[in-house]
Protein backbone atom coordinates (compact mmCIF):
# COMPACT_ATOMS: atom_id res chain seq x y z
CA MET A 1 -3.24 63.43 -34.19
CA VAL A 2 -3.83 63.92 -30.49
CA LYS A 3 -1.54 61.01 -29.68
CA ARG A 4 1.27 62.44 -31.81
CA LEU A 5 0.84 65.88 -30.24
CA PHE A 6 0.94 64.39 -26.74
CA THR A 7 4.11 62.44 -27.57
CA PHE A 8 5.72 65.59 -28.97
CA LEU A 9 4.93 67.56 -25.81
CA ILE A 10 6.47 64.88 -23.59
CA ILE A 11 9.66 64.84 -25.70
CA PHE A 12 9.79 68.67 -25.70
CA ILE A 13 9.35 68.97 -21.92
CA ALA A 14 11.91 66.25 -21.24
CA GLY A 15 14.39 67.99 -23.51
CA ALA A 16 13.76 71.36 -21.85
CA VAL A 17 14.26 69.90 -18.35
CA ASN A 18 17.49 68.27 -19.52
CA VAL A 19 18.78 71.52 -21.05
CA PHE A 20 17.87 73.81 -18.17
CA GLY A 21 18.90 71.23 -15.56
CA GLN A 22 22.43 71.18 -16.86
CA GLY A 23 24.74 73.70 -15.24
CA LYS A 24 28.40 74.33 -14.90
CA THR A 25 30.24 72.15 -12.45
CA VAL A 26 31.28 74.03 -9.32
CA THR A 27 34.46 73.11 -7.52
CA TYR A 28 35.24 74.42 -4.08
CA LYS A 29 37.81 74.47 -1.31
CA GLU A 30 36.60 73.57 2.19
CA LEU A 31 37.76 76.18 4.69
CA TYR A 32 36.33 74.54 7.80
CA ASP A 33 33.63 72.08 8.85
CA ASP A 34 33.34 71.90 12.63
CA PRO A 35 29.85 72.04 14.23
CA TYR A 36 31.42 71.99 17.71
CA ASP A 37 33.34 75.22 17.09
CA THR A 38 30.49 77.51 18.15
CA LYS A 39 29.99 80.65 20.19
CA LYS A 40 29.25 80.16 23.89
CA LEU A 41 27.23 83.23 24.87
CA PHE A 42 24.33 84.60 22.80
CA ILE A 43 22.56 87.85 23.72
CA HIS A 44 19.29 88.35 21.80
CA PHE A 45 17.93 91.87 21.53
CA GLN A 46 14.26 91.52 20.59
CA PRO A 47 12.77 94.75 19.26
CA LEU A 48 9.58 92.96 18.27
CA TYR A 49 7.49 90.02 19.35
CA GLY A 50 3.83 89.36 18.70
CA GLU A 51 1.53 87.05 20.63
CA VAL A 52 -2.05 86.05 19.89
CA TRP A 53 -3.19 84.73 23.28
CA SER A 54 -6.81 84.06 24.19
CA THR A 55 -6.22 85.74 27.56
CA ASN A 56 -4.46 88.84 26.20
CA THR A 57 -3.14 89.51 22.69
CA ASN A 58 -0.03 91.68 22.98
CA ILE A 59 2.93 93.13 21.07
CA GLY A 60 6.19 94.23 22.67
CA PHE A 61 9.92 93.85 23.12
CA GLY A 62 12.27 91.59 25.04
CA LEU A 63 15.75 90.33 25.85
CA GLU A 64 17.09 86.78 25.87
CA VAL A 65 20.44 85.31 26.97
CA GLU A 66 21.77 81.82 26.18
CA TYR A 67 24.95 80.17 27.42
CA LEU A 68 26.35 76.90 26.03
CA LEU A 69 28.50 74.94 28.46
CA GLU A 70 30.55 72.77 26.07
CA ASP A 71 28.62 69.59 25.21
CA LYS A 72 26.94 69.34 28.62
CA LEU A 73 24.10 71.83 28.92
CA GLN A 74 22.56 75.11 27.84
CA ILE A 75 21.31 77.83 30.21
CA ARG A 76 18.68 80.29 29.00
CA ALA A 77 16.86 83.29 30.49
CA SER A 78 14.42 85.68 28.85
CA ALA A 79 12.10 88.58 29.65
CA ARG A 80 9.55 90.48 27.60
CA LYS A 81 6.71 92.93 28.04
CA ALA A 82 4.16 94.84 25.98
CA TYR A 83 5.13 98.19 24.46
CA GLY A 84 2.33 99.98 26.31
CA GLN A 85 -1.40 100.05 26.95
CA ALA A 86 -2.40 100.23 23.27
CA PHE A 87 -0.37 97.04 22.55
CA ASP A 88 -1.68 95.23 25.66
CA LEU A 89 -5.21 94.63 24.38
CA THR A 90 -7.00 93.17 27.42
CA ARG A 91 -5.46 95.77 29.72
CA ASP A 92 -6.49 98.49 27.26
CA ALA A 93 -10.05 97.17 27.23
CA ALA A 94 -10.10 96.99 31.05
CA VAL A 95 -8.96 100.60 31.42
CA LYS A 96 -11.58 101.81 28.95
CA ASN A 97 -14.56 99.57 29.73
CA SER A 98 -14.38 97.91 33.16
CA THR A 99 -17.14 98.71 35.64
CA VAL A 100 -15.30 97.03 38.55
CA ASN A 101 -11.99 97.62 40.34
CA THR A 102 -9.15 95.39 41.56
CA ASN A 103 -6.20 96.74 43.51
CA ILE A 104 -6.74 100.48 43.86
CA GLU A 105 -3.04 101.41 43.67
CA SER A 106 -2.33 99.42 40.49
CA PRO A 107 -5.67 98.61 38.85
CA TRP A 108 -4.66 96.47 35.85
CA ASN A 109 -1.63 94.27 35.33
CA ILE A 110 0.79 95.16 32.55
CA LEU A 111 1.73 92.09 30.51
CA ASN A 112 5.08 90.79 31.79
CA TYR A 113 6.73 87.44 31.04
CA TYR A 114 9.91 85.98 32.58
CA GLU A 115 11.50 82.60 32.00
CA ALA A 116 14.70 80.77 32.97
CA GLY A 117 15.72 77.20 32.34
CA VAL A 118 18.37 74.60 31.61
CA THR A 119 18.68 72.07 28.78
CA TYR A 120 20.79 69.05 29.68
CA HIS A 121 22.48 67.27 26.75
CA ILE A 122 21.35 63.65 27.05
CA LYS A 123 23.16 62.81 23.83
CA ASP A 124 25.48 65.15 21.92
CA PHE A 125 27.13 63.65 18.86
CA GLU A 126 28.39 64.33 15.34
CA SER A 127 27.33 62.58 12.15
CA ASP A 128 27.78 62.87 8.40
CA SER A 129 25.26 64.91 6.47
CA GLU A 130 24.71 66.94 3.32
CA THR A 131 24.46 70.72 3.25
CA LYS A 132 22.77 72.94 0.70
CA ILE A 133 24.58 76.23 0.11
CA VAL A 134 23.23 79.08 -2.01
CA LEU A 135 25.68 80.31 -4.65
CA TYR A 136 25.67 84.04 -4.09
CA SER A 137 27.83 86.72 -5.64
CA ASP A 138 27.77 90.52 -5.62
CA ARG A 139 27.48 90.31 -9.41
CA TYR A 140 24.00 88.84 -8.99
CA ARG A 141 22.80 91.93 -7.17
CA LYS A 142 24.37 94.31 -9.69
CA ASN A 143 22.88 92.44 -12.66
CA ASN A 144 19.50 91.89 -10.94
CA LYS A 145 19.92 88.14 -11.44
CA TRP A 146 18.14 87.36 -8.16
CA ALA A 147 15.02 89.13 -9.43
CA ALA A 148 14.88 87.02 -12.60
CA SER A 149 15.91 83.51 -11.56
CA THR A 150 15.79 80.89 -8.85
CA PRO A 151 18.91 80.94 -6.62
CA GLU A 152 21.46 78.30 -7.53
CA LEU A 153 22.34 75.69 -4.92
CA ILE A 154 25.15 73.23 -4.44
CA LYS A 155 25.03 70.17 -2.19
CA ILE A 156 28.20 69.27 -0.38
CA PRO A 157 29.04 66.59 2.21
CA SER A 158 29.36 68.03 5.70
CA LYS A 159 29.14 67.26 9.39
CA VAL A 160 26.17 67.96 11.61
CA ARG A 161 26.03 68.11 15.40
CA LYS A 162 22.88 66.60 16.90
CA ILE A 163 21.75 67.21 20.47
CA TYR A 164 18.98 65.38 22.30
CA GLY A 165 18.13 67.51 25.32
CA ALA A 166 16.03 67.39 28.50
CA ARG A 167 14.56 70.78 29.47
CA LEU A 168 13.59 72.07 32.92
CA GLY A 169 12.80 75.60 34.03
CA GLY A 170 10.51 78.14 35.64
CA ILE A 171 8.11 80.77 34.27
CA TYR A 172 6.39 83.81 35.76
CA TYR A 173 3.83 85.93 33.93
CA ASP A 174 1.00 88.31 34.78
CA SER A 175 -1.72 89.99 32.78
CA SER A 176 -5.13 91.58 32.86
CA VAL A 177 -7.95 89.12 32.16
CA ASP A 178 -11.51 89.42 30.86
CA LEU A 179 -13.68 87.67 33.47
CA ASP A 180 -16.93 88.71 31.81
CA ARG A 181 -16.02 86.54 28.80
CA ALA A 182 -14.76 83.77 31.09
CA MET A 183 -18.05 83.63 33.04
CA LYS A 184 -20.08 83.44 29.83
CA ASN A 185 -17.87 80.68 28.38
CA GLN A 186 -17.89 78.70 31.63
CA GLY A 187 -21.55 79.26 32.47
CA THR A 188 -20.78 80.59 35.94
CA THR A 189 -20.92 83.87 37.85
CA MET A 190 -19.25 85.76 40.69
CA SER A 191 -21.27 86.77 43.73
CA SER A 192 -20.72 89.10 46.66
CA PRO A 193 -20.71 87.83 50.28
CA SER A 194 -24.40 88.75 50.42
CA GLY A 195 -25.09 86.64 47.33
CA GLU A 196 -25.61 89.58 45.01
CA PRO A 197 -24.49 88.76 41.41
CA PHE A 198 -23.15 91.24 38.92
CA PRO A 199 -25.72 93.09 36.85
CA ASN A 200 -26.07 91.86 33.26
CA ASP A 201 -24.48 94.99 31.80
CA ALA A 202 -21.36 94.86 34.04
CA LYS A 203 -17.96 94.71 32.33
CA VAL A 204 -15.82 92.55 34.61
CA TYR A 205 -12.02 92.53 34.30
CA SER A 206 -9.42 91.40 36.81
CA ASN A 207 -5.74 90.47 37.12
CA MET A 208 -4.12 87.06 36.86
CA SER A 209 -0.59 85.89 37.64
CA SER A 210 1.18 82.57 37.47
CA TYR A 211 4.29 80.82 38.75
CA ALA A 212 4.88 77.75 36.60
CA ILE A 213 7.44 75.04 35.90
CA TYR A 214 8.07 73.31 32.59
CA LEU A 215 9.58 69.94 31.72
CA GLY A 216 10.24 68.71 28.21
CA GLY A 217 12.63 67.67 25.51
CA SER A 218 14.40 69.18 22.54
CA MET A 219 16.42 68.24 19.49
CA SER A 220 19.01 70.51 17.90
CA TRP A 221 20.98 70.46 14.67
CA TYR A 222 24.16 72.57 14.42
CA LYS A 223 26.11 73.15 11.20
CA ASN A 224 29.23 75.25 10.88
CA ILE A 225 30.82 74.97 7.46
CA ALA A 226 32.48 77.41 5.08
CA VAL A 227 33.64 76.79 1.50
CA ASP A 228 35.39 78.86 -1.15
CA PRO A 229 33.93 77.99 -4.57
CA ASP A 230 35.42 78.84 -7.92
CA ARG A 231 33.87 81.31 -10.39
CA SER A 232 34.32 84.27 -8.01
CA PHE A 233 31.46 83.49 -5.66
CA GLY A 234 33.47 84.34 -2.56
CA VAL A 235 33.34 82.51 0.76
CA LEU A 236 29.96 80.85 1.39
CA ILE A 237 28.82 79.80 4.88
CA ASN A 238 26.15 77.62 6.47
CA ASP A 239 26.22 78.10 10.25
CA LEU A 240 22.61 77.53 11.25
CA MET A 241 21.84 76.37 14.81
CA PHE A 242 18.28 75.01 14.72
CA THR A 243 16.24 73.66 17.66
CA THR A 244 12.80 72.11 18.09
CA TYR A 245 11.24 71.60 21.53
CA LEU A 246 8.14 70.31 23.31
CA ASP A 247 7.34 71.12 26.96
CA LEU A 248 4.68 70.25 29.52
CA ILE A 249 3.75 73.14 31.83
CA TYR A 250 2.29 73.08 35.34
CA ALA A 251 1.34 76.25 37.24
CA PRO A 252 0.83 75.64 40.98
CA GLY A 253 0.88 79.40 41.60
CA LEU A 254 -1.92 80.38 39.20
CA ARG A 255 -4.36 82.87 40.70
CA VAL A 256 -6.99 85.44 39.71
CA GLU A 257 -7.67 88.46 41.91
CA ASP A 258 -11.07 89.22 43.47
CA VAL A 259 -12.84 92.33 42.22
CA PHE A 260 -14.61 95.24 43.92
CA TYR A 261 -18.05 96.50 42.90
CA ASN A 262 -20.33 98.93 44.77
CA GLY A 263 -18.23 98.61 47.94
CA GLU A 264 -18.34 94.81 48.06
CA ILE A 265 -15.75 92.13 47.24
CA TYR A 266 -16.74 89.59 44.59
CA SER A 267 -14.76 86.38 44.96
CA SER A 268 -13.09 84.78 41.93
CA ASP A 269 -13.34 81.28 43.44
CA ASN A 270 -16.04 80.25 40.95
CA ILE A 271 -13.78 81.02 37.97
CA GLU A 272 -12.29 77.77 36.70
CA LEU A 273 -8.55 77.75 36.04
CA THR A 274 -6.43 75.46 33.91
CA LYS A 275 -3.14 74.76 35.67
CA PHE A 276 -1.74 72.36 33.06
CA GLY A 277 -0.54 73.29 29.60
CA PHE A 278 2.01 72.53 26.91
CA ARG A 279 3.96 74.22 24.16
CA ALA A 280 5.87 73.30 21.01
CA GLY A 281 8.27 75.55 19.16
CA ILE A 282 11.22 76.07 16.88
CA GLN A 283 14.20 78.41 17.14
CA GLY A 284 16.92 79.26 14.66
CA LYS A 285 20.06 81.30 15.20
CA PHE A 286 23.49 81.59 13.59
CA ASN A 287 27.04 81.03 14.79
CA ARG A 288 28.19 84.61 14.19
CA THR A 289 29.44 87.49 16.30
CA TRP A 290 26.56 89.62 15.01
CA GLY A 291 23.50 87.92 13.59
CA TRP A 292 19.77 87.43 14.03
CA SER A 293 17.38 84.72 15.18
CA TYR A 294 13.74 83.70 15.10
CA ASN A 295 11.41 81.79 17.41
CA ILE A 296 7.88 80.48 16.78
CA GLU A 297 5.88 78.83 19.54
CA THR A 298 2.32 77.62 20.11
CA GLY A 299 0.40 75.73 22.76
CA LEU A 300 -1.95 76.02 25.73
CA ARG A 301 -0.76 78.20 28.61
CA PRO A 302 -2.08 77.81 32.20
CA THR A 303 -4.63 80.57 32.75
CA VAL A 304 -8.39 81.04 33.05
CA LYS A 305 -10.16 78.04 31.53
CA THR A 306 -11.03 78.47 27.80
CA GLN A 307 -8.41 81.25 27.42
CA GLY A 308 -5.16 79.27 27.19
CA PHE A 309 -4.42 78.94 23.46
CA TYR A 310 -1.61 81.10 22.10
CA ILE A 311 0.74 81.59 19.14
CA LEU A 312 3.96 83.52 19.69
CA GLY A 313 6.51 84.85 17.23
CA LYS A 314 9.81 86.56 18.15
CA ILE A 315 12.47 88.22 16.01
CA SER A 316 15.87 88.96 17.56
CA PHE A 317 18.07 91.55 15.87
CA PRO A 318 20.84 92.00 16.55
CA VAL A 319 22.10 88.87 18.29
CA PHE A 320 25.55 89.30 19.79
CA ALA A 321 27.60 86.12 20.31
CA THR A 322 31.04 85.44 21.73
CA LYS A 323 33.26 82.49 22.67
CA LEU A 324 34.28 84.22 25.93
CA GLU A 325 37.93 83.56 25.17
CA ASN A 326 40.70 85.93 26.20
CA THR A 327 42.72 85.94 22.98
CA ARG A 328 44.74 88.49 21.05
CA GLU A 329 45.80 88.78 17.44
CA ALA A 330 49.38 87.74 16.71
CA PHE A 331 51.59 88.53 13.74
CA GLY A 332 54.84 86.83 12.80
CA LYS A 333 57.92 88.95 12.30
């Protein structure tokens, strides 16, 4: 009996998969398929980024600019900073809890981050691929079809542009830093010129800053295809520009400021620093005049030893892109 029931279930499931797996054939007209026909200048407005960093967790805003020079190289520059003290957690803790001082005129560094670099295209080529495109229609939204079913997909042959790149650039960032936690983790202390250590109940914060260079590699996949299917779906597009990267980072200009306590200067020389780091990340954007993009990154950043790990997420909206071509519309008579 059990064997018959098991056989029946297998036949039933196989039949159901066959029935539900069958769909109407979709025909389409290819409008264009050219992954080299992309925008040249991308301006990313970043209303929100979030970073969990062992040195200083922070939330803020930023701006990023990218320029593609044909199939030769890409130039990129970015800047970001925390919204304010409440979103700059180590600085906020220093203002509220520190029992020492740094620079009297500007006691605690606001989180700032600047970066500029170039990606050279070692190999930039086109190959055959397959693209998945979601079949979307306004009728789905009106009939609430999206809420009740899995989106339908079609797979079509397409071209993909692949870029192997070499990356080189510079970074500058500064932040407040918790030296009390650093001393406990490193098993060290800071002493005054007279040899007097901090009392056990002291809350020690300072400032750190870093000039760094990075060197790494990347791989990008660009698709730029549009099709016009039948059955009133309208024009469907896949124009994703996706990049992965891995960089090594070296910070020769990493420094931590001395602190002042009871009229004496306590040197930060005993605080160990990590001048080497790395990062790995992904970025996706779209080949559109107005669009959006995302960027996720993680790694170890040069800073006070034991406080380098970070995870960063950025959302850019809107992203403005242009080909920088001086063209006008023309109409035949």
